[in-house]
Amino acid sequence: MRTFFFRILPGCLFLALLLGLANEYAVARPSRRTQDIAYVPTSDPQFNAERHLLDVYAPKQKTAFLRPVVVFIHGGSWNSGNKNFYSFIGRRLAKQGVVAVVINYRLAPQVEVPAMADDCARAVAWVAQHSAEYGGDPQRLYVMGHSAGGGLAALLTADNALMARWGMPVNPIRGAILDDPAGLDMYDYLRKMQYPGDEEYLVPFGRDPAVWRTVSPMYYLTPGTPPFLLYVGSETYPSIRNSSEKFQQKLTALGHPAAMKVLPGKKHVPMVLQLYWQHNIIYQDLLQFVGSNAQPHAAQ
């Protein structure tokens, strides 16, 4: 039995998501979705008509003030996943007063993780430039991710050069919410190769240890890194638990008051499925973290 990341959505998870989508469509309607927006220009030679898209979920209720923005990055072991599976997260966030953006990005084996990180950075740059059009506050922009998406969210938050490559000399991300994140230190993980089948991760990460380090958020943390919320399931994969503990310890050593919350009884997949329920602990903390009740910037 595998002890690391799930590679594809199992049939039972896919069914659960389909049921969840049907339910949220019926009951979580205080939002409007703008679907399949291209965040890479269609004239770009690298443009992918499926993967370079995002959806924006905005509260229907208009206010005189701009709302916080959360960009959600899906997981799937860097080789699977789709924004359409996670509309329940977009709607739940919008229902609670947040402008949510759920993105696609290219996957292995078509590209490796550095290209995935670039895609996510381009999506965040687009959101920083356009979120006000949907009632979002670009000065309160946060990223969130589960599994592989958590690792990518952490990388975008900590690696300022990654955002600078796409027209953001000042990183617009104000903080990150990591839900059972994978890939926080792939440099350490891939050098050890402790688990059966680990060589499969050389497809998305390649064989160059220097690249493994380049895409590992652990090595970009500084005293000036934005804050993190970090959640781990008590029954998740040992590698995720261990790397998250190391990540939290490094944040603490750098002066960040970032506590890792271990959620009892939760395995890796339920850590994201719980986001269907709007009153779970992650949403409760997230709303305070992003300042959903604050109104510092008037809408134009």
Protein backbone atom coordinates (compact mmCIF):
# COMPACT_ATOMS: atom_id res chain seq x y z
CA MET A 1 0.00 0.00 0.00
CA ARG A 2 1.33 3.39 -0.96
CA THR A 3 2.50 5.69 1.81
CA PHE A 4 2.84 8.84 -0.25
CA PHE A 5 0.65 10.91 -2.58
CA PHE A 6 -2.40 9.61 -4.42
CA ARG A 7 -1.79 9.78 -8.16
CA ILE A 8 -5.30 9.81 -9.57
CA LEU A 9 -8.77 10.36 -8.19
CA PRO A 10 -10.04 6.90 -7.18
CA GLY A 11 -13.49 5.91 -8.37
CA CYS A 12 -15.01 6.37 -4.91
CA LEU A 13 -13.54 9.86 -4.61
CA PHE A 14 -14.76 10.78 -8.06
CA LEU A 15 -18.27 9.59 -7.15
CA ALA A 16 -18.15 11.51 -3.89
CA LEU A 17 -17.13 14.64 -5.74
CA LEU A 18 -19.91 14.20 -8.29
CA LEU A 19 -22.47 13.89 -5.50
CA GLY A 20 -20.97 16.86 -3.75
CA LEU A 21 -21.11 18.91 -6.93
CA ALA A 22 -24.77 18.06 -7.41
CA ASN A 23 -25.58 19.07 -3.85
CA GLU A 24 -23.60 22.28 -3.86
CA TYR A 25 -25.19 23.28 -7.16
CA ALA A 26 -28.59 23.00 -5.52
CA VAL A 27 -27.88 24.63 -2.15
CA ALA A 28 -24.85 26.92 -2.46
CA ARG A 29 -26.12 29.47 -4.96
CA PRO A 30 -25.34 32.88 -3.38
CA SER A 31 -22.45 33.16 -5.86
CA ARG A 32 -21.82 33.70 -9.52
CA ARG A 33 -19.26 31.72 -11.48
CA THR A 34 -17.38 33.08 -14.45
CA GLN A 35 -16.02 29.96 -16.09
CA ASP A 36 -13.06 29.02 -18.30
CA ILE A 37 -11.18 32.32 -18.36
CA ALA A 38 -7.83 32.07 -20.15
CA TYR A 39 -5.06 33.38 -17.90
CA VAL A 40 -2.43 32.87 -20.60
CA PRO A 41 -2.96 34.81 -23.84
CA THR A 42 -4.36 32.53 -26.52
CA SER A 43 -1.67 33.89 -28.84
CA ASP A 44 1.07 32.54 -26.56
CA PRO A 45 2.85 29.56 -28.21
CA GLN A 46 2.55 27.64 -24.92
CA PHE A 47 -1.18 28.25 -24.53
CA ASN A 48 -3.11 25.10 -23.62
CA ALA A 49 -6.83 25.39 -24.26
CA GLU A 50 -7.72 23.10 -21.35
CA ARG A 51 -5.05 23.71 -18.73
CA HIS A 52 -4.52 27.49 -18.93
CA LEU A 53 -8.01 28.26 -17.64
CA LEU A 54 -9.49 29.43 -14.36
CA ASP A 55 -12.94 29.98 -12.84
CA VAL A 56 -13.91 32.94 -10.67
CA TYR A 57 -16.55 32.58 -7.95
CA ALA A 58 -17.82 35.89 -6.62
CA PRO A 59 -20.52 36.58 -4.01
CA LYS A 60 -23.74 37.76 -5.62
CA GLN A 61 -24.33 40.33 -2.92
CA LYS A 62 -22.65 43.58 -3.90
CA THR A 63 -20.84 45.69 -1.32
CA ALA A 64 -19.18 49.08 -1.28
CA PHE A 65 -15.89 47.35 -0.47
CA LEU A 66 -13.62 44.92 -2.23
CA ARG A 67 -13.47 41.40 -0.83
CA PRO A 68 -10.45 39.18 -0.07
CA VAL A 69 -9.35 36.82 -2.82
CA VAL A 70 -8.30 33.17 -2.47
CA VAL A 71 -6.74 31.23 -5.37
CA PHE A 72 -7.20 27.46 -4.98
CA ILE A 73 -4.68 25.05 -6.58
CA HIS A 74 -5.80 21.43 -6.91
CA GLY A 75 -3.73 18.35 -6.12
CA GLY A 76 -3.32 15.05 -7.94
CA SER A 77 0.35 14.03 -7.72
CA TRP A 78 1.31 16.53 -10.43
CA ASN A 79 -0.21 14.29 -13.12
CA SER A 80 -3.98 14.57 -12.63
CA GLY A 81 -6.76 16.80 -11.34
CA ASN A 82 -9.03 19.46 -12.75
CA LYS A 83 -10.56 22.69 -11.47
CA ASN A 84 -14.02 21.37 -12.33
CA PHE A 85 -13.81 18.83 -9.49
CA TYR A 86 -13.49 21.66 -6.97
CA SER A 87 -16.36 24.00 -7.73
CA PHE A 88 -17.69 23.23 -4.26
CA ILE A 89 -14.67 25.05 -2.80
CA GLY A 90 -15.23 28.07 -5.01
CA ARG A 91 -18.90 28.25 -4.07
CA ARG A 92 -18.31 27.70 -0.36
CA LEU A 93 -15.73 30.49 -0.25
CA ALA A 94 -17.95 32.86 -2.23
CA LYS A 95 -20.88 32.06 0.04
CA GLN A 96 -18.74 33.24 2.94
CA GLY A 97 -17.77 36.55 1.37
CA VAL A 98 -14.54 35.64 -0.44
CA VAL A 99 -13.80 35.99 -4.15
CA ALA A 100 -12.49 32.52 -5.00
CA VAL A 101 -10.47 31.53 -8.05
CA VAL A 102 -9.98 27.85 -8.93
CA ILE A 103 -7.30 27.16 -11.53
CA ASN A 104 -6.03 24.51 -13.90
CA TYR A 105 -2.35 24.11 -14.76
CA ARG A 106 -0.43 21.79 -17.06
CA LEU A 107 0.43 18.33 -15.76
CA ALA A 108 3.02 15.58 -16.17
CA PRO A 109 4.08 13.96 -18.40
CA GLN A 110 3.47 16.88 -20.76
CA VAL A 111 5.49 19.22 -18.53
CA GLU A 112 7.56 19.05 -15.35
CA VAL A 113 6.97 20.85 -12.07
CA PRO A 114 8.91 24.05 -12.93
CA ALA A 115 6.47 24.64 -15.80
CA MET A 116 3.53 23.88 -13.49
CA ALA A 117 4.83 26.46 -11.02
CA ASP A 118 5.13 28.98 -13.85
CA ASP A 119 1.52 28.28 -14.87
CA CYS A 120 0.32 28.87 -11.31
CA ALA A 121 2.37 32.06 -11.09
CA ARG A 122 0.81 33.31 -14.32
CA ALA A 123 -2.64 32.54 -12.94
CA VAL A 124 -1.91 34.47 -9.74
CA ALA A 125 -0.54 37.39 -11.77
CA TRP A 126 -3.77 37.42 -13.79
CA VAL A 127 -5.80 37.42 -10.58
CA ALA A 128 -3.76 40.28 -9.14
CA GLN A 129 -4.45 42.31 -12.28
CA HIS A 130 -8.13 41.43 -12.75
CA SER A 131 -9.66 40.47 -9.39
CA ALA A 132 -11.11 43.95 -8.81
CA GLU A 133 -13.32 43.40 -11.86
CA TYR A 134 -15.06 40.68 -9.84
CA GLY A 135 -15.19 42.59 -6.56
CA GLY A 136 -11.91 41.21 -5.24
CA ASP A 137 -9.20 43.14 -3.42
CA PRO A 138 -5.79 42.57 -5.06
CA GLN A 139 -4.15 43.80 -1.87
CA ARG A 140 -5.68 40.85 0.01
CA LEU A 141 -4.73 38.01 -2.31
CA TYR A 142 -4.06 34.55 -0.81
CA VAL A 143 -3.31 31.13 -2.22
CA MET A 144 -4.61 27.78 -1.04
CA GLY A 145 -3.86 24.24 -2.13
CA HIS A 146 -4.30 20.58 -1.27
CA SER A 147 -1.64 17.89 -1.75
CA ALA A 148 0.53 18.79 -4.77
CA GLY A 149 -1.43 22.03 -4.99
CA GLY A 150 -0.40 22.83 -1.43
CA GLY A 151 3.26 22.50 -2.37
CA LEU A 152 2.75 24.76 -5.38
CA ALA A 153 0.89 27.32 -3.25
CA ALA A 154 3.77 27.34 -0.75
CA LEU A 155 6.30 27.78 -3.56
CA LEU A 156 4.44 30.76 -5.04
CA THR A 157 4.26 32.37 -1.62
CA ALA A 158 7.92 31.91 -0.73
CA ASP A 159 9.73 32.25 -4.09
CA ASN A 160 9.45 35.92 -5.02
CA ALA A 161 11.54 35.43 -8.15
CA LEU A 162 8.91 33.07 -9.52
CA MET A 163 6.28 35.80 -9.39
CA ALA A 164 8.72 38.42 -10.68
CA ARG A 165 9.18 36.38 -13.87
CA TRP A 166 5.57 37.08 -14.71
CA GLY A 167 5.44 40.81 -14.17
CA MET A 168 5.12 40.90 -10.37
CA PRO A 169 8.31 42.51 -8.97
CA VAL A 170 6.52 42.62 -5.61
CA ASN A 171 4.93 39.30 -4.74
CA PRO A 172 1.17 39.98 -4.48
CA ILE A 173 0.50 36.96 -2.25
CA ARG A 174 -0.26 37.91 1.34
CA GLY A 175 -0.38 34.39 2.79
CA ALA A 176 -1.07 30.73 2.07
CA ILE A 177 -3.42 28.05 3.35
CA LEU A 178 -1.84 24.59 3.00
CA ASP A 179 -4.15 21.58 3.25
CA ASP A 180 -2.17 18.33 3.67
CA PRO A 181 0.56 19.72 1.38
CA ALA A 182 2.85 17.52 -0.71
CA GLY A 183 6.20 18.53 -2.16
CA LEU A 184 7.41 20.94 0.50
CA ASP A 185 10.91 19.39 0.32
CA MET A 186 11.23 17.18 -2.74
CA TYR A 187 15.00 17.68 -2.68
CA ASP A 188 15.15 15.66 0.52
CA TYR A 189 12.40 13.23 -0.50
CA LEU A 190 13.80 12.25 -3.90
CA ARG A 191 17.34 11.85 -2.61
CA LYS A 192 16.11 9.28 -0.09
CA MET A 193 13.69 7.31 -2.30
CA GLN A 194 12.28 5.54 0.76
CA TYR A 195 9.03 4.16 -0.61
CA PRO A 196 8.14 1.66 -3.36
CA GLY A 197 7.37 3.37 -6.63
CA ASP A 198 9.11 6.64 -5.77
CA GLU A 199 10.87 6.63 -9.14
CA GLU A 200 7.53 7.54 -10.69
CA TYR A 201 7.97 11.02 -9.24
CA LEU A 202 10.98 11.49 -11.49
CA VAL A 203 8.48 12.01 -14.32
CA PRO A 204 7.12 15.32 -12.95
CA PHE A 205 10.33 16.33 -11.16
CA GLY A 206 13.04 15.11 -13.54
CA ARG A 207 16.36 13.64 -12.47
CA ASP A 208 18.36 16.76 -11.62
CA PRO A 209 18.68 17.29 -7.83
CA ALA A 210 19.25 21.00 -8.44
CA VAL A 211 15.76 21.19 -9.95
CA TRP A 212 14.28 19.28 -6.99
CA ARG A 213 15.66 21.95 -4.71
CA THR A 214 14.49 24.77 -6.99
CA VAL A 215 10.86 23.67 -6.70
CA SER A 216 10.97 22.89 -2.95
CA PRO A 217 9.40 25.73 -0.91
CA MET A 218 11.41 24.74 2.17
CA TYR A 219 14.50 26.48 0.81
CA TYR A 220 12.86 29.85 0.13
CA LEU A 221 11.56 30.61 3.60
CA THR A 222 12.88 33.83 5.13
CA PRO A 223 11.82 36.12 8.00
CA GLY A 224 9.94 38.18 5.40
CA THR A 225 7.96 35.28 3.95
CA PRO A 226 4.17 35.84 4.23
CA PRO A 227 2.29 33.85 6.89
CA PHE A 228 0.96 30.32 6.48
CA LEU A 229 -1.93 28.29 7.80
CA LEU A 230 -0.91 24.62 7.78
CA TYR A 231 -3.26 21.66 8.22
CA VAL A 232 -2.36 17.97 8.26
CA GLY A 233 -4.52 14.90 8.78
CA SER A 234 -3.52 12.67 11.67
CA GLU A 235 -3.91 9.64 9.36
CA THR A 236 -2.22 11.16 6.30
CA TYR A 237 0.91 9.81 4.59
CA PRO A 238 3.97 9.84 6.87
CA SER A 239 5.98 11.78 4.30
CA ILE A 240 3.43 14.60 4.28
CA ARG A 241 3.27 14.67 8.05
CA ASN A 242 7.08 14.70 8.37
CA SER A 243 7.74 17.37 5.74
CA SER A 244 4.96 19.56 7.16
CA GLU A 245 6.50 19.33 10.62
CA LYS A 246 9.89 20.34 9.22
CA PHE A 247 8.26 23.23 7.34
CA GLN A 248 6.51 24.44 10.48
CA GLN A 249 9.71 24.13 12.52
CA LYS A 250 11.61 26.24 10.01
CA LEU A 251 8.89 28.88 10.02
CA THR A 252 9.03 28.98 13.81
CA ALA A 253 12.83 29.33 13.75
CA LEU A 254 12.45 32.29 11.40
CA GLY A 255 10.07 34.04 13.77
CA HIS A 256 6.74 33.10 12.18
CA PRO A 257 3.96 32.18 14.63
CA ALA A 258 2.73 29.46 12.27
CA ALA A 259 1.20 26.52 14.11
CA MET A 260 0.50 23.27 12.29
CA LYS A 261 -2.96 21.95 13.11
CA VAL A 262 -3.33 18.18 13.04
CA LEU A 263 -6.92 17.18 12.33
CA PRO A 264 -7.84 13.96 14.17
CA GLY A 265 -8.85 10.92 12.14
CA LYS A 266 -8.37 12.58 8.77
CA LYS A 267 -6.65 10.80 5.87
CA HIS A 268 -5.24 12.57 2.83
CA VAL A 269 -8.33 12.63 0.58
CA PRO A 270 -10.85 13.57 3.31
CA MET A 271 -8.64 16.57 4.06
CA VAL A 272 -9.95 18.17 0.86
CA LEU A 273 -13.43 16.61 0.85
CA GLN A 274 -14.16 18.27 4.21
CA LEU A 275 -14.11 21.61 2.42
CA TYR A 276 -17.58 20.83 1.15
CA TRP A 277 -18.88 21.83 4.62
CA GLN A 278 -18.55 25.57 5.10
CA HIS A 279 -18.21 25.46 8.89
CA ASN A 280 -15.16 23.18 9.07
CA ILE A 281 -12.09 24.40 10.96
CA ILE A 282 -10.13 25.32 7.83
CA TYR A 283 -12.79 27.78 6.65
CA GLN A 284 -13.20 29.16 10.17
CA ASP A 285 -9.48 29.95 10.37
CA LEU A 286 -9.27 31.06 6.74
CA LEU A 287 -11.93 33.74 7.11
CA GLN A 288 -10.02 35.34 9.99
CA PHE A 289 -6.71 34.91 8.15
CA VAL A 290 -7.84 36.75 5.02
CA GLY A 291 -9.83 39.36 6.92
CA SER A 292 -13.18 38.57 5.36
CA ASN A 293 -14.93 40.98 7.73
CA ALA A 294 -12.47 43.81 7.15
CA GLN A 295 -13.31 46.48 4.61
CA PRO A 296 -10.13 48.48 3.99
CA HIS A 297 -10.52 49.21 0.29
CA ALA A 298 -13.53 50.76 -1.40
CA ALA A 299 -14.71 49.29 -4.70
CA GLN A 300 -14.24 51.56 -7.66
